[in-house]
Amino acid sequence: MKLDRTSQGAAAFVAALDPRRLYRVQYPGVVVAQGGPDSFDFRPDDLRIPGVSGVPVRLPTPGVTITVDPAQRPRALLAFAGGDPSKPELHLWERAGLQQLDVSASVAVSIDAPVVNFGDATAAVGRVGDAVSSATSMATWISAVTVFVNGLAPGTLVPPSGFGTISAGSGKVNA
């Protein structure tokens, strides 16, 4: 856009009033490396903003960590807390690249969905829910889930093959 001389002066004046203006917006870009659960190297699409290293990700839920595959070029948004260029953070993932999602909670975690799948349809029961099955058998765990299912909206919870279905509100495992 071409500005006349007066507009150019006004634009320069406004820019001088806010030297951090470039750091008050979010920039899309690519994760190029991950150094840990909260340390990402990021390259913004906008060439005015340099690449950054060791950037934490800000997820909306505490206790959630992610691992991504940089080879899949996962995309996210880069922001700067308070417009401070020394406080970069990643937000809102745009593209696939998620390798692992971990949820750690010391409080109840509820799932309200018409269908919940554990693993993929071809997974062997021994591979599904290994952390759960190490504490108790999968069948015992599924029985405990029926208590939880009673609070769900009408629908069907689909456990791994071989365990049948658990209908919301029934409190029974249908084999």
C-alpha atoms as a PDB file:
ATOM      1  CA  MET A   1       0.000   0.000   0.000  1.00  0.00           C
ATOM      2  CA  LYS A   2       1.366   3.378  -0.978  1.00  0.00           C
ATOM      3  CA  LEU A   3       0.859   6.175   1.559  1.00  0.00           C
ATOM      4  CA  ASP A   4       0.997   9.894   0.946  1.00  0.00           C
ATOM      5  CA  ARG A   5       3.576  11.931   2.835  1.00  0.00           C
ATOM      6  CA  THR A   6       1.198  12.913   5.661  1.00  0.00           C
ATOM      7  CA  SER A   7       0.069   9.304   6.159  1.00  0.00           C
ATOM      8  CA  GLN A   8       3.678   8.102   6.171  1.00  0.00           C
ATOM      9  CA  GLY A   9       4.464  10.577   8.947  1.00  0.00           C
ATOM     10  CA  ALA A  10       1.426   9.462  10.950  1.00  0.00           C
ATOM     11  CA  ALA A  11       2.383   5.783  10.495  1.00  0.00           C
ATOM     12  CA  ALA A  12       5.946   6.466  11.651  1.00  0.00           C
ATOM     13  CA  PHE A  13       4.618   8.355  14.686  1.00  0.00           C
ATOM     14  CA  VAL A  14       2.301   5.479  15.675  1.00  0.00           C
ATOM     15  CA  ALA A  15       5.100   2.927  15.170  1.00  0.00           C
ATOM     16  CA  ALA A  16       7.392   4.950  17.428  1.00  0.00           C
ATOM     17  CA  LEU A  17       4.723   4.932  20.162  1.00  0.00           C
ATOM     18  CA  ASP A  18       4.666   1.116  20.267  1.00  0.00           C
ATOM     19  CA  PRO A  19       8.086  -0.388  19.501  1.00  0.00           C
ATOM     20  CA  ARG A  20       6.786  -3.862  20.524  1.00  0.00           C
ATOM     21  CA  ARG A  21       3.901  -3.859  18.036  1.00  0.00           C
ATOM     22  CA  LEU A  22       5.352  -6.836  16.150  1.00  0.00           C
ATOM     23  CA  TYR A  23       5.235  -8.877  19.362  1.00  0.00           C
ATOM     24  CA  ARG A  24       1.545  -8.234  20.126  1.00  0.00           C
ATOM     25  CA  VAL A  25       0.174 -10.633  17.506  1.00  0.00           C
ATOM     26  CA  GLN A  26       0.436 -14.383  16.899  1.00  0.00           C
ATOM     27  CA  TYR A  27       2.557 -15.782  14.077  1.00  0.00           C
ATOM     28  CA  PRO A  28       1.949 -19.130  12.347  1.00  0.00           C
ATOM     29  CA  GLY A  29       4.960 -21.291  11.669  1.00  0.00           C
ATOM     30  CA  VAL A  30       6.616 -24.703  11.945  1.00  0.00           C
ATOM     31  CA  VAL A  31       8.100 -26.637  14.868  1.00  0.00           C
ATOM     32  CA  VAL A  32      11.569 -27.677  13.714  1.00  0.00           C
ATOM     33  CA  ALA A  33      12.688 -29.543  16.868  1.00  0.00           C
ATOM     34  CA  GLN A  34      11.573 -30.573  20.343  1.00  0.00           C
ATOM     35  CA  GLY A  35      14.012 -30.549  23.245  1.00  0.00           C
ATOM     36  CA  GLY A  36      11.639 -31.829  25.930  1.00  0.00           C
ATOM     37  CA  PRO A  37       7.972 -31.757  26.943  1.00  0.00           C
ATOM     38  CA  ASP A  38       7.991 -27.966  27.192  1.00  0.00           C
ATOM     39  CA  SER A  39      10.828 -26.905  24.891  1.00  0.00           C
ATOM     40  CA  PHE A  40      10.293 -26.379  21.171  1.00  0.00           C
ATOM     41  CA  ASP A  41      12.360 -24.791  18.414  1.00  0.00           C
ATOM     42  CA  PHE A  42      10.083 -22.804  16.128  1.00  0.00           C
ATOM     43  CA  ARG A  43      10.418 -21.032  12.787  1.00  0.00           C
ATOM     44  CA  PRO A  44       7.712 -18.416  12.046  1.00  0.00           C
ATOM     45  CA  ASP A  45       6.442 -17.987   8.483  1.00  0.00           C
ATOM     46  CA  ASP A  46       6.860 -14.202   8.821  1.00  0.00           C
ATOM     47  CA  LEU A  47      10.496 -13.376   8.064  1.00  0.00           C
ATOM     48  CA  ARG A  48      10.377 -10.257  10.274  1.00  0.00           C
ATOM     49  CA  ILE A  49      10.345 -12.526  13.339  1.00  0.00           C
ATOM     50  CA  PRO A  50      13.461 -14.661  13.892  1.00  0.00           C
ATOM     51  CA  GLY A  51      13.286 -18.345  14.779  1.00  0.00           C
ATOM     52  CA  VAL A  52      13.205 -19.118  18.497  1.00  0.00           C
ATOM     53  CA  SER A  53      14.510 -22.015  20.606  1.00  0.00           C
ATOM     54  CA  GLY A  54      13.372 -23.514  23.896  1.00  0.00           C
ATOM     55  CA  VAL A  55       9.843 -22.135  23.524  1.00  0.00           C
ATOM     56  CA  PRO A  56       7.252 -23.502  25.992  1.00  0.00           C
ATOM     57  CA  VAL A  57       3.824 -24.571  24.789  1.00  0.00           C
ATOM     58  CA  ARG A  58       0.772 -23.118  26.540  1.00  0.00           C
ATOM     59  CA  LEU A  59      -2.043 -25.656  26.523  1.00  0.00           C
ATOM     60  CA  PRO A  60      -5.453 -24.776  27.963  1.00  0.00           C
ATOM     61  CA  THR A  61      -5.378 -27.662  30.463  1.00  0.00           C
ATOM     62  CA  PRO A  62      -2.799 -28.102  33.247  1.00  0.00           C
ATOM     63  CA  GLY A  63      -1.135 -31.514  33.443  1.00  0.00           C
ATOM     64  CA  VAL A  64      -1.132 -32.098  29.679  1.00  0.00           C
ATOM     65  CA  THR A  65       2.160 -32.582  27.847  1.00  0.00           C
ATOM     66  CA  ILE A  66       2.764 -33.352  24.201  1.00  0.00           C
ATOM     67  CA  THR A  67       5.455 -34.912  22.062  1.00  0.00           C
ATOM     68  CA  VAL A  68       5.516 -34.038  18.370  1.00  0.00           C
ATOM     69  CA  ASP A  69       7.344 -35.385  15.330  1.00  0.00           C
ATOM     70  CA  PRO A  70       9.185 -32.430  13.745  1.00  0.00           C
ATOM     71  CA  ALA A  71       9.598 -34.473  10.538  1.00  0.00           C
ATOM     72  CA  GLN A  72       5.833 -34.055   9.987  1.00  0.00           C
ATOM     73  CA  ARG A  73       6.292 -30.259  10.175  1.00  0.00           C
ATOM     74  CA  PRO A  74       3.655 -29.618  12.861  1.00  0.00           C
ATOM     75  CA  ARG A  75       2.309 -26.072  12.730  1.00  0.00           C
ATOM     76  CA  ALA A  76       1.394 -23.841  15.649  1.00  0.00           C
ATOM     77  CA  LEU A  77       1.054 -20.181  16.536  1.00  0.00           C
ATOM     78  CA  LEU A  78       3.863 -18.228  18.187  1.00  0.00           C
ATOM     79  CA  ALA A  79       2.896 -15.485  20.632  1.00  0.00           C
ATOM     80  CA  PHE A  80       4.841 -13.299  23.037  1.00  0.00           C
ATOM     81  CA  ALA A  81       3.427 -12.928  26.561  1.00  0.00           C
ATOM     82  CA  GLY A  82       2.627  -9.277  27.213  1.00  0.00           C
ATOM     83  CA  GLY A  83       4.232  -8.311  23.903  1.00  0.00           C
ATOM     84  CA  ASP A  84       7.654  -9.072  25.412  1.00  0.00           C
ATOM     85  CA  PRO A  85      10.032 -10.579  22.803  1.00  0.00           C
ATOM     86  CA  SER A  86      11.879 -12.420  25.597  1.00  0.00           C
ATOM     87  CA  LYS A  87       8.713 -14.403  26.498  1.00  0.00           C
ATOM     88  CA  PRO A  88       7.765 -16.528  23.469  1.00  0.00           C
ATOM     89  CA  GLU A  89       5.141 -19.279  23.781  1.00  0.00           C
ATOM     90  CA  LEU A  90       3.368 -21.656  21.391  1.00  0.00           C
ATOM     91  CA  HIS A  91      -0.411 -21.881  21.081  1.00  0.00           C
ATOM     92  CA  LEU A  92      -3.062 -23.674  19.021  1.00  0.00           C
ATOM     93  CA  TRP A  93      -1.661 -26.488  16.898  1.00  0.00           C
ATOM     94  CA  GLU A  94      -2.744 -26.384  13.252  1.00  0.00           C
ATOM     95  CA  ARG A  95      -1.531 -29.608  11.681  1.00  0.00           C
ATOM     96  CA  ALA A  96      -0.847 -33.237  12.531  1.00  0.00           C
ATOM     97  CA  GLY A  97       2.460 -34.233  14.038  1.00  0.00           C
ATOM     98  CA  LEU A  98       1.359 -35.337  17.490  1.00  0.00           C
ATOM     99  CA  GLN A  99       3.256 -38.442  18.616  1.00  0.00           C
ATOM    100  CA  GLN A 100       2.124 -38.632  22.219  1.00  0.00           C
ATOM    101  CA  LEU A 101      -0.338 -36.870  24.508  1.00  0.00           C
ATOM    102  CA  ASP A 102       0.038 -37.356  28.264  1.00  0.00           C
ATOM    103  CA  VAL A 103      -2.542 -36.287  30.835  1.00  0.00           C
ATOM    104  CA  SER A 104      -1.490 -36.242  34.473  1.00  0.00           C
ATOM    105  CA  ALA A 105      -4.180 -35.400  36.998  1.00  0.00           C
ATOM    106  CA  SER A 106      -4.600 -35.669  40.753  1.00  0.00           C
ATOM    107  CA  VAL A 107      -8.334 -34.959  40.429  1.00  0.00           C
ATOM    108  CA  ALA A 108     -11.189 -36.680  38.605  1.00  0.00           C
ATOM    109  CA  VAL A 109     -11.057 -36.724  34.820  1.00  0.00           C
ATOM    110  CA  SER A 110     -14.466 -37.073  33.156  1.00  0.00           C
ATOM    111  CA  ILE A 111     -15.289 -38.033  29.602  1.00  0.00           C
ATOM    112  CA  ASP A 112     -18.673 -37.034  28.193  1.00  0.00           C
ATOM    113  CA  ALA A 113     -18.979 -38.557  24.738  1.00  0.00           C
ATOM    114  CA  PRO A 114     -21.391 -40.844  22.901  1.00  0.00           C
ATOM    115  CA  VAL A 115     -18.541 -43.231  21.948  1.00  0.00           C
ATOM    116  CA  VAL A 116     -15.119 -43.732  23.526  1.00  0.00           C
ATOM    117  CA  ASN A 117     -12.574 -46.072  21.905  1.00  0.00           C
ATOM    118  CA  PHE A 118      -9.626 -47.559  23.758  1.00  0.00           C
ATOM    119  CA  GLY A 119      -6.809 -48.146  21.276  1.00  0.00           C
ATOM    120  CA  ASP A 120      -7.504 -49.020  17.659  1.00  0.00           C
ATOM    121  CA  ALA A 121      -9.932 -51.649  16.444  1.00  0.00           C
ATOM    122  CA  THR A 122      -7.133 -54.133  15.679  1.00  0.00           C
ATOM    123  CA  ALA A 123      -5.254 -53.757  18.975  1.00  0.00           C
ATOM    124  CA  ALA A 124      -4.824 -56.854  21.092  1.00  0.00           C
ATOM    125  CA  VAL A 125      -6.330 -56.534  24.558  1.00  0.00           C
ATOM    126  CA  GLY A 126      -2.920 -57.025  26.173  1.00  0.00           C
ATOM    127  CA  ARG A 127      -1.601 -53.909  24.405  1.00  0.00           C
ATOM    128  CA  VAL A 128      -4.548 -51.667  25.253  1.00  0.00           C
ATOM    129  CA  GLY A 129      -4.356 -49.752  28.522  1.00  0.00           C
ATOM    130  CA  ASP A 130      -1.085 -51.254  29.747  1.00  0.00           C
ATOM    131  CA  ALA A 131      -0.858 -48.724  32.595  1.00  0.00           C
ATOM    132  CA  VAL A 132      -4.386 -49.618  33.685  1.00  0.00           C
ATOM    133  CA  SER A 133      -3.921 -53.370  33.369  1.00  0.00           C
ATOM    134  CA  SER A 134      -0.738 -53.264  35.450  1.00  0.00           C
ATOM    135  CA  ALA A 135      -2.759 -51.974  38.429  1.00  0.00           C
ATOM    136  CA  THR A 136      -5.796 -54.183  37.909  1.00  0.00           C
ATOM    137  CA  SER A 137      -7.194 -56.453  35.230  1.00  0.00           C
ATOM    138  CA  MET A 138      -8.880 -54.837  32.259  1.00  0.00           C
ATOM    139  CA  ALA A 139     -12.162 -56.576  33.085  1.00  0.00           C
ATOM    140  CA  THR A 140     -12.131 -55.134  36.622  1.00  0.00           C
ATOM    141  CA  TRP A 141     -11.297 -51.735  35.254  1.00  0.00           C
ATOM    142  CA  ILE A 142     -14.147 -51.904  32.739  1.00  0.00           C
ATOM    143  CA  SER A 143     -16.546 -52.821  35.547  1.00  0.00           C
ATOM    144  CA  ALA A 144     -15.420 -49.697  37.401  1.00  0.00           C
ATOM    145  CA  VAL A 145     -15.981 -47.656  34.260  1.00  0.00           C
ATOM    146  CA  THR A 146     -19.653 -48.662  34.259  1.00  0.00           C
ATOM    147  CA  VAL A 147     -20.132 -46.579  37.391  1.00  0.00           C
ATOM    148  CA  PHE A 148     -18.656 -43.641  35.525  1.00  0.00           C
ATOM    149  CA  VAL A 149     -20.757 -44.338  32.433  1.00  0.00           C
ATOM    150  CA  ASN A 150     -23.947 -43.936  34.472  1.00  0.00           C
ATOM    151  CA  GLY A 151     -23.272 -40.210  34.521  1.00  0.00           C
ATOM    152  CA  LEU A 152     -22.755 -39.902  30.773  1.00  0.00           C
ATOM    153  CA  ALA A 153     -25.314 -38.686  28.291  1.00  0.00           C
ATOM    154  CA  PRO A 154     -27.090 -41.530  26.450  1.00  0.00           C
ATOM    155  CA  GLY A 155     -24.696 -43.290  24.131  1.00  0.00           C
ATOM    156  CA  THR A 156     -22.401 -46.280  24.014  1.00  0.00           C
ATOM    157  CA  LEU A 157     -18.918 -46.690  25.460  1.00  0.00           C
ATOM    158  CA  VAL A 158     -16.949 -49.075  23.221  1.00  0.00           C
ATOM    159  CA  PRO A 159     -14.132 -50.856  25.090  1.00  0.00           C
ATOM    160  CA  PRO A 160     -11.491 -52.976  23.311  1.00  0.00           C
ATOM    161  CA  SER A 161     -12.742 -55.919  21.259  1.00  0.00           C
ATOM    162  CA  GLY A 162     -13.686 -58.917  23.338  1.00  0.00           C
ATOM    163  CA  PHE A 163     -15.294 -56.917  26.119  1.00  0.00           C
ATOM    164  CA  GLY A 164     -18.602 -56.060  24.415  1.00  0.00           C
ATOM    165  CA  THR A 165     -20.187 -52.680  25.038  1.00  0.00           C
ATOM    166  CA  ILE A 166     -21.117 -50.699  28.108  1.00  0.00           C
ATOM    167  CA  SER A 167     -24.390 -48.846  27.709  1.00  0.00           C
ATOM    168  CA  ALA A 168     -24.797 -45.505  29.423  1.00  0.00           C
ATOM    169  CA  GLY A 169     -27.044 -45.747  32.456  1.00  0.00           C
ATOM    170  CA  SER A 170     -27.244 -49.559  32.516  1.00  0.00           C
ATOM    171  CA  GLY A 171     -24.349 -50.219  34.893  1.00  0.00           C
ATOM    172  CA  LYS A 172     -23.804 -53.527  33.069  1.00  0.00           C
ATOM    173  CA  VAL A 173     -21.180 -54.842  30.691  1.00  0.00           C
ATOM    174  CA  ASN A 174     -22.802 -56.424  27.636  1.00  0.00           C
ATOM    175  CA  ALA A 175     -20.599 -59.233  26.316  1.00  0.00           C
END
